[in-house]
All heavy atoms as atom14 arrays in JSON, in Angstrom:
{
  "sequence": "SLKPGQKVRVVHGPLEGITGELTQIKNQNCLVVSVQMIMRSVAVTMEM",
  "atom14_mask": [
    [1, 1, 1, 1, 1, 1, 0, 0, 0, 0, 0, 0, 0, 0],
    [1, 1, 1, 1, 1, 1, 1, 1, 0, 0, 0, 0, 0, 0],
    [1, 1, 1, 1, 1, 1, 1, 1, 1, 0, 0, 0, 0, 0],
    [1, 1, 1, 1, 1, 1, 1, 0, 0, 0, 0, 0, 0, 0],
    [1, 1, 1, 1, 0, 0, 0, 0, 0, 0, 0, 0, 0, 0],
    [1, 1, 1, 1, 1, 1, 1, 1, 1, 0, 0, 0, 0, 0],
    [1, 1, 1, 1, 1, 1, 1, 1, 1, 0, 0, 0, 0, 0],
    [1, 1, 1, 1, 1, 1, 1, 0, 0, 0, 0, 0, 0, 0],
    [1, 1, 1, 1, 1, 1, 1, 1, 1, 1, 1, 0, 0, 0],
    [1, 1, 1, 1, 1, 1, 1, 0, 0, 0, 0, 0, 0, 0],
    [1, 1, 1, 1, 1, 1, 1, 0, 0, 0, 0, 0, 0, 0],
    [1, 1, 1, 1, 1, 1, 1, 1, 1, 1, 0, 0, 0, 0],
    [1, 1, 1, 1, 0, 0, 0, 0, 0, 0, 0, 0, 0, 0],
    [1, 1, 1, 1, 1, 1, 1, 0, 0, 0, 0, 0, 0, 0],
    [1, 1, 1, 1, 1, 1, 1, 1, 0, 0, 0, 0, 0, 0],
    [1, 1, 1, 1, 1, 1, 1, 1, 1, 0, 0, 0, 0, 0],
    [1, 1, 1, 1, 0, 0, 0, 0, 0, 0, 0, 0, 0, 0],
    [1, 1, 1, 1, 1, 1, 1, 1, 0, 0, 0, 0, 0, 0],
    [1, 1, 1, 1, 1, 1, 1, 0, 0, 0, 0, 0, 0, 0],
    [1, 1, 1, 1, 0, 0, 0, 0, 0, 0, 0, 0, 0, 0],
    [1, 1, 1, 1, 1, 1, 1, 1, 1, 0, 0, 0, 0, 0],
    [1, 1, 1, 1, 1, 1, 1, 1, 0, 0, 0, 0, 0, 0],
    [1, 1, 1, 1, 1, 1, 1, 0, 0, 0, 0, 0, 0, 0],
    [1, 1, 1, 1, 1, 1, 1, 1, 1, 0, 0, 0, 0, 0],
    [1, 1, 1, 1, 1, 1, 1, 1, 0, 0, 0, 0, 0, 0],
    [1, 1, 1, 1, 1, 1, 1, 1, 1, 0, 0, 0, 0, 0],
    [1, 1, 1, 1, 1, 1, 1, 1, 0, 0, 0, 0, 0, 0],
    [1, 1, 1, 1, 1, 1, 1, 1, 1, 0, 0, 0, 0, 0],
    [1, 1, 1, 1, 1, 1, 1, 1, 0, 0, 0, 0, 0, 0],
    [1, 1, 1, 1, 1, 1, 0, 0, 0, 0, 0, 0, 0, 0],
    [1, 1, 1, 1, 1, 1, 1, 1, 0, 0, 0, 0, 0, 0],
    [1, 1, 1, 1, 1, 1, 1, 0, 0, 0, 0, 0, 0, 0],
    [1, 1, 1, 1, 1, 1, 1, 0, 0, 0, 0, 0, 0, 0],
    [1, 1, 1, 1, 1, 1, 0, 0, 0, 0, 0, 0, 0, 0],
    [1, 1, 1, 1, 1, 1, 1, 0, 0, 0, 0, 0, 0, 0],
    [1, 1, 1, 1, 1, 1, 1, 1, 1, 0, 0, 0, 0, 0],
    [1, 1, 1, 1, 1, 1, 1, 1, 0, 0, 0, 0, 0, 0],
    [1, 1, 1, 1, 1, 1, 1, 1, 0, 0, 0, 0, 0, 0],
    [1, 1, 1, 1, 1, 1, 1, 1, 0, 0, 0, 0, 0, 0],
    [1, 1, 1, 1, 1, 1, 1, 1, 1, 1, 1, 0, 0, 0],
    [1, 1, 1, 1, 1, 1, 0, 0, 0, 0, 0, 0, 0, 0],
    [1, 1, 1, 1, 1, 1, 1, 0, 0, 0, 0, 0, 0, 0],
    [1, 1, 1, 1, 1, 0, 0, 0, 0, 0, 0, 0, 0, 0],
    [1, 1, 1, 1, 1, 1, 1, 0, 0, 0, 0, 0, 0, 0],
    [1, 1, 1, 1, 1, 1, 1, 0, 0, 0, 0, 0, 0, 0],
    [1, 1, 1, 1, 1, 1, 1, 1, 0, 0, 0, 0, 0, 0],
    [1, 1, 1, 1, 1, 1, 1, 1, 1, 0, 0, 0, 0, 0],
    [1, 1, 1, 1, 1, 1, 1, 1, 0, 0, 0, 0, 0, 0]
  ],
  "atom14_positions": [
    [[0.8, -1.34, 0.01], [-0.02, 0.02, -0.05], [0.9, 1.27, 0.03], [1.9, 1.22, 0.56], [-0.98, 0.01, 1.28], [-0.19, 0.05, 2.41], [0.0, 0.0, 0.0], [0.0, 0.0, 0.0], [0.0, 0.0, 0.0], [0.0, 0.0, 0.0], [0.0, 0.0, 0.0], [0.0, 0.0, 0.0], [0.0, 0.0, 0.0], [0.0, 0.0, 0.0]],
    [[0.36, 2.26, -0.62], [1.09, 3.5, -0.71], [0.46, 4.51, 0.32], [-0.72, 4.47, 0.65], [0.96, 4.2, -2.07], [1.51, 3.45, -3.31], [1.22, 4.03, -4.52], [2.91, 3.23, -3.07], [0.0, 0.0, 0.0], [0.0, 0.0, 0.0], [0.0, 0.0, 0.0], [0.0, 0.0, 0.0], [0.0, 0.0, 0.0], [0.0, 0.0, 0.0]],
    [[1.45, 5.35, 0.83], [0.98, 6.37, 1.82], [1.18, 7.66, 1.04], [1.97, 7.75, 0.23], [1.72, 6.45, 3.11], [1.73, 5.16, 3.9], [2.54, 5.12, 5.09], [2.34, 3.91, 5.87], [3.17, 3.74, 6.98], [0.0, 0.0, 0.0], [0.0, 0.0, 0.0], [0.0, 0.0, 0.0], [0.0, 0.0, 0.0], [0.0, 0.0, 0.0]],
    [[0.26, 8.63, 1.39], [0.44, 10.02, 0.71], [1.85, 10.39, 0.81], [2.35, 10.51, 1.98], [-0.55, 10.77, 1.36], [-1.57, 9.91, 2.07], [-0.71, 8.62, 2.25], [0.0, 0.0, 0.0], [0.0, 0.0, 0.0], [0.0, 0.0, 0.0], [0.0, 0.0, 0.0], [0.0, 0.0, 0.0], [0.0, 0.0, 0.0], [0.0, 0.0, 0.0]],
    [[2.45, 10.92, -0.26], [3.82, 11.5, -0.16], [3.95, 12.32, -1.42], [3.14, 12.58, -2.27], [0.0, 0.0, 0.0], [0.0, 0.0, 0.0], [0.0, 0.0, 0.0], [0.0, 0.0, 0.0], [0.0, 0.0, 0.0], [0.0, 0.0, 0.0], [0.0, 0.0, 0.0], [0.0, 0.0, 0.0], [0.0, 0.0, 0.0], [0.0, 0.0, 0.0]],
    [[5.19, 12.84, -1.52], [5.54, 13.72, -2.57], [6.15, 13.07, -3.73], [6.75, 12.08, -3.62], [6.56, 14.77, -2.12], [6.84, 15.86, -3.01], [7.63, 17.05, -2.3], [8.08, 16.82, -1.18], [7.73, 18.11, -2.96], [0.0, 0.0, 0.0], [0.0, 0.0, 0.0], [0.0, 0.0, 0.0], [0.0, 0.0, 0.0], [0.0, 0.0, 0.0]],
    [[5.67, 13.44, -4.95], [6.19, 12.88, -6.19], [7.63, 13.47, -6.36], [7.84, 14.65, -6.26], [5.38, 13.32, -7.34], [5.47, 12.5, -8.53], [4.65, 12.78, -9.74], [3.26, 13.2, -9.54], [2.62, 13.57, -10.68], [0.0, 0.0, 0.0], [0.0, 0.0, 0.0], [0.0, 0.0, 0.0], [0.0, 0.0, 0.0], [0.0, 0.0, 0.0]],
    [[8.54, 12.54, -6.61], [10.04, 12.94, -6.81], [10.54, 12.32, -7.98], [10.04, 11.39, -8.64], [10.83, 12.61, -5.55], [10.44, 13.37, -4.35], [10.86, 11.05, -5.38], [0.0, 0.0, 0.0], [0.0, 0.0, 0.0], [0.0, 0.0, 0.0], [0.0, 0.0, 0.0], [0.0, 0.0, 0.0], [0.0, 0.0, 0.0], [0.0, 0.0, 0.0]],
    [[11.64, 12.95, -8.49], [12.37, 12.28, -9.6], [13.81, 12.18, -9.11], [14.44, 12.95, -8.48], [12.4, 13.38, -10.82], [13.35, 12.92, -12.04], [13.22, 13.77, -13.18], [11.84, 14.08, -13.61], [11.0, 13.36, -14.31], [11.43, 12.14, -14.65], [9.89, 13.7, -14.66], [0.0, 0.0, 0.0], [0.0, 0.0, 0.0], [0.0, 0.0, 0.0]],
    [[14.33, 11.02, -9.52], [15.75, 10.59, -9.2], [16.58, 11.5, -10.1], [16.53, 11.42, -11.24], [15.98, 9.12, -9.21], [17.37, 8.81, -8.95], [14.98, 8.39, -8.41], [0.0, 0.0, 0.0], [0.0, 0.0, 0.0], [0.0, 0.0, 0.0], [0.0, 0.0, 0.0], [0.0, 0.0, 0.0], [0.0, 0.0, 0.0], [0.0, 0.0, 0.0]],
    [[17.57, 12.32, -9.56], [18.47, 13.1, -10.35], [19.85, 12.66, -10.2], [20.74, 13.12, -11.09], [18.29, 14.57, -9.97], [16.95, 15.09, -10.31], [18.57, 14.77, -8.35], [0.0, 0.0, 0.0], [0.0, 0.0, 0.0], [0.0, 0.0, 0.0], [0.0, 0.0, 0.0], [0.0, 0.0, 0.0], [0.0, 0.0, 0.0], [0.0, 0.0, 0.0]],
    [[20.28, 11.77, -9.35], [21.59, 11.18, -9.27], [21.53, 9.8, -8.83], [20.56, 9.16, -8.31], [22.31, 11.9, -8.08], [22.41, 13.38, -8.22], [23.39, 13.91, -9.16], [21.91, 14.42, -7.58], [23.21, 15.27, -9.06], [22.37, 15.48, -8.12], [0.0, 0.0, 0.0], [0.0, 0.0, 0.0], [0.0, 0.0, 0.0], [0.0, 0.0, 0.0]],
    [[22.57, 8.95, -9.39], [22.71, 7.53, -9.09], [22.08, 6.6, -10.12], [21.69, 7.11, -11.26], [0.0, 0.0, 0.0], [0.0, 0.0, 0.0], [0.0, 0.0, 0.0], [0.0, 0.0, 0.0], [0.0, 0.0, 0.0], [0.0, 0.0, 0.0], [0.0, 0.0, 0.0], [0.0, 0.0, 0.0], [0.0, 0.0, 0.0], [0.0, 0.0, 0.0]],
    [[22.04, 5.32, -9.95], [21.63, 4.43, -10.97], [20.28, 4.38, -11.46], [19.89, 3.9, -12.41], [22.02, 3.07, -10.27], [21.97, 3.31, -8.85], [22.42, 4.72, -8.71], [0.0, 0.0, 0.0], [0.0, 0.0, 0.0], [0.0, 0.0, 0.0], [0.0, 0.0, 0.0], [0.0, 0.0, 0.0], [0.0, 0.0, 0.0], [0.0, 0.0, 0.0]],
    [[19.34, 5.06, -10.59], [17.9, 5.15, -11.0], [17.6, 6.62, -11.6], [16.43, 6.81, -11.66], [17.07, 4.87, -9.74], [17.22, 3.6, -9.09], [16.34, 3.41, -7.94], [17.13, 2.43, -10.19], [0.0, 0.0, 0.0], [0.0, 0.0, 0.0], [0.0, 0.0, 0.0], [0.0, 0.0, 0.0], [0.0, 0.0, 0.0], [0.0, 0.0, 0.0]],
    [[18.58, 7.21, -12.06], [18.45, 8.66, -12.5], [17.41, 8.59, -13.59], [17.35, 7.83, -14.52], [19.63, 9.24, -13.22], [19.59, 10.64, -13.58], [20.88, 11.15, -14.04], [21.88, 10.7, -13.48], [20.86, 12.16, -14.84], [0.0, 0.0, 0.0], [0.0, 0.0, 0.0], [0.0, 0.0, 0.0], [0.0, 0.0, 0.0], [0.0, 0.0, 0.0]],
    [[16.38, 9.57, -13.53], [15.31, 9.65, -14.51], [14.02, 9.03, -14.03], [12.87, 9.3, -14.68], [0.0, 0.0, 0.0], [0.0, 0.0, 0.0], [0.0, 0.0, 0.0], [0.0, 0.0, 0.0], [0.0, 0.0, 0.0], [0.0, 0.0, 0.0], [0.0, 0.0, 0.0], [0.0, 0.0, 0.0], [0.0, 0.0, 0.0], [0.0, 0.0, 0.0]],
    [[13.96, 8.14, -13.06], [12.69, 7.53, -12.59], [11.92, 8.54, -11.77], [12.55, 9.24, -11.0], [13.05, 6.3, -11.82], [13.59, 5.17, -12.71], [11.75, 5.81, -11.18], [13.87, 3.93, -11.98], [0.0, 0.0, 0.0], [0.0, 0.0, 0.0], [0.0, 0.0, 0.0], [0.0, 0.0, 0.0], [0.0, 0.0, 0.0], [0.0, 0.0, 0.0]],
    [[10.69, 8.56, -12.02], [9.79, 9.37, -11.12], [8.95, 8.42, -10.22], [8.45, 7.38, -10.74], [8.74, 10.16, -12.02], [9.56, 11.06, -12.94], [7.94, 11.08, -11.13], [0.0, 0.0, 0.0], [0.0, 0.0, 0.0], [0.0, 0.0, 0.0], [0.0, 0.0, 0.0], [0.0, 0.0, 0.0], [0.0, 0.0, 0.0], [0.0, 0.0, 0.0]],
    [[8.85, 8.82, -8.99], [8.02, 7.99, -8.14], [7.58, 8.81, -6.86], [7.58, 10.13, -6.96], [0.0, 0.0, 0.0], [0.0, 0.0, 0.0], [0.0, 0.0, 0.0], [0.0, 0.0, 0.0], [0.0, 0.0, 0.0], [0.0, 0.0, 0.0], [0.0, 0.0, 0.0], [0.0, 0.0, 0.0], [0.0, 0.0, 0.0], [0.0, 0.0, 0.0]],
    [[7.09, 8.11, -5.84], [6.61, 8.73, -4.81], [7.57, 8.63, -3.58], [8.03, 7.4, -3.35], [5.19, 8.27, -4.34], [4.48, 8.94, -3.14], [3.16, 8.41, -2.87], [2.48, 8.1, -3.84], [2.74, 8.38, -1.81], [0.0, 0.0, 0.0], [0.0, 0.0, 0.0], [0.0, 0.0, 0.0], [0.0, 0.0, 0.0], [0.0, 0.0, 0.0]],
    [[7.9, 9.6, -2.92], [8.82, 9.46, -1.7], [8.01, 9.17, -0.46], [6.9, 9.75, -0.16], [9.55, 10.81, -1.6], [10.69, 10.76, -0.49], [11.74, 9.95, -0.82], [11.09, 12.24, -0.26], [0.0, 0.0, 0.0], [0.0, 0.0, 0.0], [0.0, 0.0, 0.0], [0.0, 0.0, 0.0], [0.0, 0.0, 0.0], [0.0, 0.0, 0.0]],
    [[8.44, 8.07, 0.29], [7.8, 7.75, 1.53], [8.9, 7.29, 2.52], [10.07, 7.22, 2.07], [6.81, 6.76, 1.24], [6.04, 6.52, 2.51], [7.46, 5.32, 0.94], [0.0, 0.0, 0.0], [0.0, 0.0, 0.0], [0.0, 0.0, 0.0], [0.0, 0.0, 0.0], [0.0, 0.0, 0.0], [0.0, 0.0, 0.0], [0.0, 0.0, 0.0]],
    [[8.61, 7.12, 3.71], [9.4, 6.57, 4.73], [9.0, 5.28, 5.08], [7.93, 4.96, 5.53], [9.58, 7.58, 5.88], [10.61, 8.6, 5.73], [11.15, 9.05, 7.16], [10.43, 9.05, 8.04], [12.38, 9.48, 7.09], [0.0, 0.0, 0.0], [0.0, 0.0, 0.0], [0.0, 0.0, 0.0], [0.0, 0.0, 0.0], [0.0, 0.0, 0.0]],
    [[9.94, 4.3, 5.15], [9.63, 2.88, 5.61], [10.74, 2.55, 6.68], [11.92, 2.58, 6.25], [9.67, 1.97, 4.4], [8.49, 2.23, 3.43], [9.42, 0.43, 5.01], [8.58, 1.44, 2.19], [0.0, 0.0, 0.0], [0.0, 0.0, 0.0], [0.0, 0.0, 0.0], [0.0, 0.0, 0.0], [0.0, 0.0, 0.0], [0.0, 0.0, 0.0]],
    [[10.4, 2.26, 7.89], [11.34, 1.86, 8.93], [12.49, 2.94, 8.98], [13.63, 2.7, 9.04], [11.95, 0.53, 8.65], [10.89, -0.64, 8.79], [11.58, -1.84, 8.51], [10.71, -2.93, 8.56], [11.15, -4.3, 8.18], [0.0, 0.0, 0.0], [0.0, 0.0, 0.0], [0.0, 0.0, 0.0], [0.0, 0.0, 0.0], [0.0, 0.0, 0.0]],
    [[12.06, 4.26, 9.06], [12.94, 5.3, 9.17], [13.91, 5.56, 8.1], [14.96, 6.14, 8.26], [13.66, 5.34, 10.52], [12.77, 5.6, 11.69], [11.74, 6.24, 11.54], [12.96, 4.91, 12.77], [0.0, 0.0, 0.0], [0.0, 0.0, 0.0], [0.0, 0.0, 0.0], [0.0, 0.0, 0.0], [0.0, 0.0, 0.0], [0.0, 0.0, 0.0]],
    [[13.61, 5.04, 6.87], [14.49, 5.21, 5.75], [13.64, 5.75, 4.68], [12.45, 5.55, 4.47], [15.06, 3.8, 5.2], [16.05, 3.11, 6.08], [16.54, 1.92, 5.56], [15.86, 1.14, 4.82], [17.87, 1.65, 5.82], [0.0, 0.0, 0.0], [0.0, 0.0, 0.0], [0.0, 0.0, 0.0], [0.0, 0.0, 0.0], [0.0, 0.0, 0.0]],
    [[14.23, 6.72, 3.91], [13.59, 7.33, 2.78], [13.62, 6.31, 1.56], [14.57, 5.72, 1.23], [14.32, 8.62, 2.34], [14.26, 9.67, 3.47], [13.19, 9.9, 4.08], [15.28, 10.37, 3.8], [0.0, 0.0, 0.0], [0.0, 0.0, 0.0], [0.0, 0.0, 0.0], [0.0, 0.0, 0.0], [0.0, 0.0, 0.0], [0.0, 0.0, 0.0]],
    [[12.39, 6.21, 1.03], [12.23, 5.21, 0.01], [11.55, 5.83, -1.32], [10.62, 6.72, -1.03], [11.43, 3.89, 0.39], [12.27, 3.03, 1.64], [0.0, 0.0, 0.0], [0.0, 0.0, 0.0], [0.0, 0.0, 0.0], [0.0, 0.0, 0.0], [0.0, 0.0, 0.0], [0.0, 0.0, 0.0], [0.0, 0.0, 0.0], [0.0, 0.0, 0.0]],
    [[11.95, 5.47, -2.39], [11.22, 5.82, -3.7], [10.33, 4.62, -3.95], [10.65, 3.56, -3.91], [12.25, 6.05, -4.79], [11.59, 6.34, -6.14], [11.06, 7.73, -6.24], [12.57, 5.96, -7.17], [0.0, 0.0, 0.0], [0.0, 0.0, 0.0], [0.0, 0.0, 0.0], [0.0, 0.0, 0.0], [0.0, 0.0, 0.0], [0.0, 0.0, 0.0]],
    [[9.06, 4.96, -4.18], [8.02, 3.97, -4.42], [7.59, 4.07, -6.01], [7.24, 5.18, -6.41], [6.72, 4.16, -3.5], [5.67, 3.11, -3.95], [7.21, 3.96, -2.12], [0.0, 0.0, 0.0], [0.0, 0.0, 0.0], [0.0, 0.0, 0.0], [0.0, 0.0, 0.0], [0.0, 0.0, 0.0], [0.0, 0.0, 0.0], [0.0, 0.0, 0.0]],
    [[7.61, 2.95, -6.7], [7.18, 2.92, -8.01], [6.04, 1.86, -8.17], [6.12, 0.83, -7.48], [8.31, 2.58, -9.04], [7.8, 2.33, -10.37], [9.38, 3.65, -8.93], [0.0, 0.0, 0.0], [0.0, 0.0, 0.0], [0.0, 0.0, 0.0], [0.0, 0.0, 0.0], [0.0, 0.0, 0.0], [0.0, 0.0, 0.0], [0.0, 0.0, 0.0]],
    [[4.92, 2.27, -8.72], [3.8, 1.41, -8.65], [3.47, 0.85, -10.02], [3.71, 1.5, -11.11], [2.5, 2.22, -8.17], [2.78, 2.56, -6.92], [0.0, 0.0, 0.0], [0.0, 0.0, 0.0], [0.0, 0.0, 0.0], [0.0, 0.0, 0.0], [0.0, 0.0, 0.0], [0.0, 0.0, 0.0], [0.0, 0.0, 0.0], [0.0, 0.0, 0.0]],
    [[2.91, -0.44, -10.08], [2.38, -0.97, -11.4], [0.92, -1.04, -11.15], [0.34, -1.82, -10.35], [2.94, -2.44, -11.48], [2.37, -2.96, -12.79], [4.38, -2.36, -11.66], [0.0, 0.0, 0.0], [0.0, 0.0, 0.0], [0.0, 0.0, 0.0], [0.0, 0.0, 0.0], [0.0, 0.0, 0.0], [0.0, 0.0, 0.0], [0.0, 0.0, 0.0]],
    [[0.22, 0.05, -11.7], [-1.21, 0.11, -11.46], [-2.06, -1.09, -11.75], [-3.03, -1.41, -11.24], [-1.72, 1.45, -12.21], [-1.06, 2.62, -11.75], [-1.24, 2.91, -10.33], [-2.22, 2.79, -9.86], [-0.28, 3.56, -9.67], [0.0, 0.0, 0.0], [0.0, 0.0, 0.0], [0.0, 0.0, 0.0], [0.0, 0.0, 0.0], [0.0, 0.0, 0.0]],
    [[-1.65, -1.9, -12.85], [-2.5, -2.96, -13.36], [-2.54, -3.94, -12.4], [-3.72, -4.6, -12.21], [-1.71, -3.49, -14.66], [-2.44, -4.76, -15.24], [-4.11, -4.37, -15.65], [-4.02, -3.12, -16.76], [0.0, 0.0, 0.0], [0.0, 0.0, 0.0], [0.0, 0.0, 0.0], [0.0, 0.0, 0.0], [0.0, 0.0, 0.0], [0.0, 0.0, 0.0]],
    [[-1.61, -4.19, -11.57], [-1.66, -5.31, -10.47], [-1.82, -4.75, -9.08], [-1.74, -5.54, -8.15], [-0.52, -6.36, -10.59], [0.79, -5.67, -10.37], [-0.45, -7.11, -11.93], [2.02, -6.57, -10.22], [0.0, 0.0, 0.0], [0.0, 0.0, 0.0], [0.0, 0.0, 0.0], [0.0, 0.0, 0.0], [0.0, 0.0, 0.0], [0.0, 0.0, 0.0]],
    [[-2.03, -3.28, -9.0], [-2.13, -2.73, -7.78], [-0.99, -3.12, -6.82], [-1.29, -3.44, -5.61], [-3.42, -2.88, -7.18], [-4.63, -2.41, -8.01], [-6.19, -2.5, -7.39], [-6.54, -4.21, -7.43], [0.0, 0.0, 0.0], [0.0, 0.0, 0.0], [0.0, 0.0, 0.0], [0.0, 0.0, 0.0], [0.0, 0.0, 0.0], [0.0, 0.0, 0.0]],
    [[0.22, -3.15, -7.21], [1.37, -3.43, -6.39], [2.36, -2.45, -6.62], [2.5, -1.68, -7.59], [1.91, -4.79, -6.84], [1.03, -6.05, -6.59], [0.9, -6.29, -5.1], [-0.07, -7.41, -4.95], [0.28, -8.65, -4.72], [1.46, -9.11, -4.7], [-0.79, -9.58, -4.53], [0.0, 0.0, 0.0], [0.0, 0.0, 0.0], [0.0, 0.0, 0.0]],
    [[3.27, -2.28, -5.69], [4.35, -1.36, -5.68], [5.66, -1.95, -5.15], [5.65, -2.91, -4.53], [4.01, -0.13, -4.74], [2.74, 0.38, -5.28], [0.0, 0.0, 0.0], [0.0, 0.0, 0.0], [0.0, 0.0, 0.0], [0.0, 0.0, 0.0], [0.0, 0.0, 0.0], [0.0, 0.0, 0.0], [0.0, 0.0, 0.0], [0.0, 0.0, 0.0]],
    [[6.71, -1.16, -5.51], [8.1, -1.59, -5.01], [8.73, -0.35, -4.48], [8.54, 0.73, -5.01], [8.9, -2.31, -6.25], [9.17, -1.18, -7.25], [10.14, -2.78, -5.6], [0.0, 0.0, 0.0], [0.0, 0.0, 0.0], [0.0, 0.0, 0.0], [0.0, 0.0, 0.0], [0.0, 0.0, 0.0], [0.0, 0.0, 0.0], [0.0, 0.0, 0.0]],
    [[9.45, -0.49, -3.38], [10.12, 0.65, -2.82], [11.64, 0.25, -2.79], [12.03, -0.81, -2.51], [9.6, 0.81, -1.4], [0.0, 0.0, 0.0], [0.0, 0.0, 0.0], [0.0, 0.0, 0.0], [0.0, 0.0, 0.0], [0.0, 0.0, 0.0], [0.0, 0.0, 0.0], [0.0, 0.0, 0.0], [0.0, 0.0, 0.0], [0.0, 0.0, 0.0]],
    [[12.42, 1.31, -3.05], [13.82, 1.21, -3.0], [14.4, 2.32, -2.23], [13.94, 3.34, -2.17], [14.37, 1.23, -4.47], [14.17, 2.48, -5.23], [15.9, 0.92, -4.5], [0.0, 0.0, 0.0], [0.0, 0.0, 0.0], [0.0, 0.0, 0.0], [0.0, 0.0, 0.0], [0.0, 0.0, 0.0], [0.0, 0.0, 0.0], [0.0, 0.0, 0.0]],
    [[15.3, 2.02, -1.28], [16.04, 2.96, -0.38], [16.71, 4.02, -1.16], [17.52, 3.6, -2.1], [16.9, 2.2, 0.63], [16.11, 1.15, 1.26], [17.37, 3.14, 1.61], [0.0, 0.0, 0.0], [0.0, 0.0, 0.0], [0.0, 0.0, 0.0], [0.0, 0.0, 0.0], [0.0, 0.0, 0.0], [0.0, 0.0, 0.0], [0.0, 0.0, 0.0]],
    [[16.53, 5.18, -0.81], [17.14, 6.32, -1.54], [17.66, 7.32, -0.5], [17.1, 7.54, 0.61], [16.16, 7.16, -2.45], [15.45, 6.35, -3.52], [16.56, 5.71, -4.76], [17.11, 7.29, -5.48], [0.0, 0.0, 0.0], [0.0, 0.0, 0.0], [0.0, 0.0, 0.0], [0.0, 0.0, 0.0], [0.0, 0.0, 0.0], [0.0, 0.0, 0.0]],
    [[18.82, 8.01, -0.8], [19.29, 9.08, -0.02], [18.64, 10.36, -0.64], [18.31, 10.44, -1.87], [20.78, 9.18, -0.15], [21.52, 8.04, 0.18], [21.43, 7.83, 1.8], [21.24, 8.92, 2.57], [21.4, 6.64, 2.29], [0.0, 0.0, 0.0], [0.0, 0.0, 0.0], [0.0, 0.0, 0.0], [0.0, 0.0, 0.0], [0.0, 0.0, 0.0]],
    [[18.32, 11.24, 0.23], [17.65, 12.46, -0.13], [18.34, 13.35, -1.11], [17.79, 14.09, -2.07], [17.33, 13.46, 1.16], [16.36, 12.89, 1.98], [14.69, 12.43, 1.18], [14.15, 14.14, 0.94], [0.0, 0.0, 0.0], [0.0, 0.0, 0.0], [0.0, 0.0, 0.0], [0.0, 0.0, 0.0], [0.0, 0.0, 0.0], [0.0, 0.0, 0.0]]
  ]
}
């Protein structure tokens, strides 16, 4: 599930160019990318 958050774009690192939602999971900042068709998401740890 997604929590309301800010839409962000990765500007540095191996995921540069991806747009997703920023959220916090276990006190870590994560980029969330969703696949709407299956109503699932994936989160990857990101530095601000």
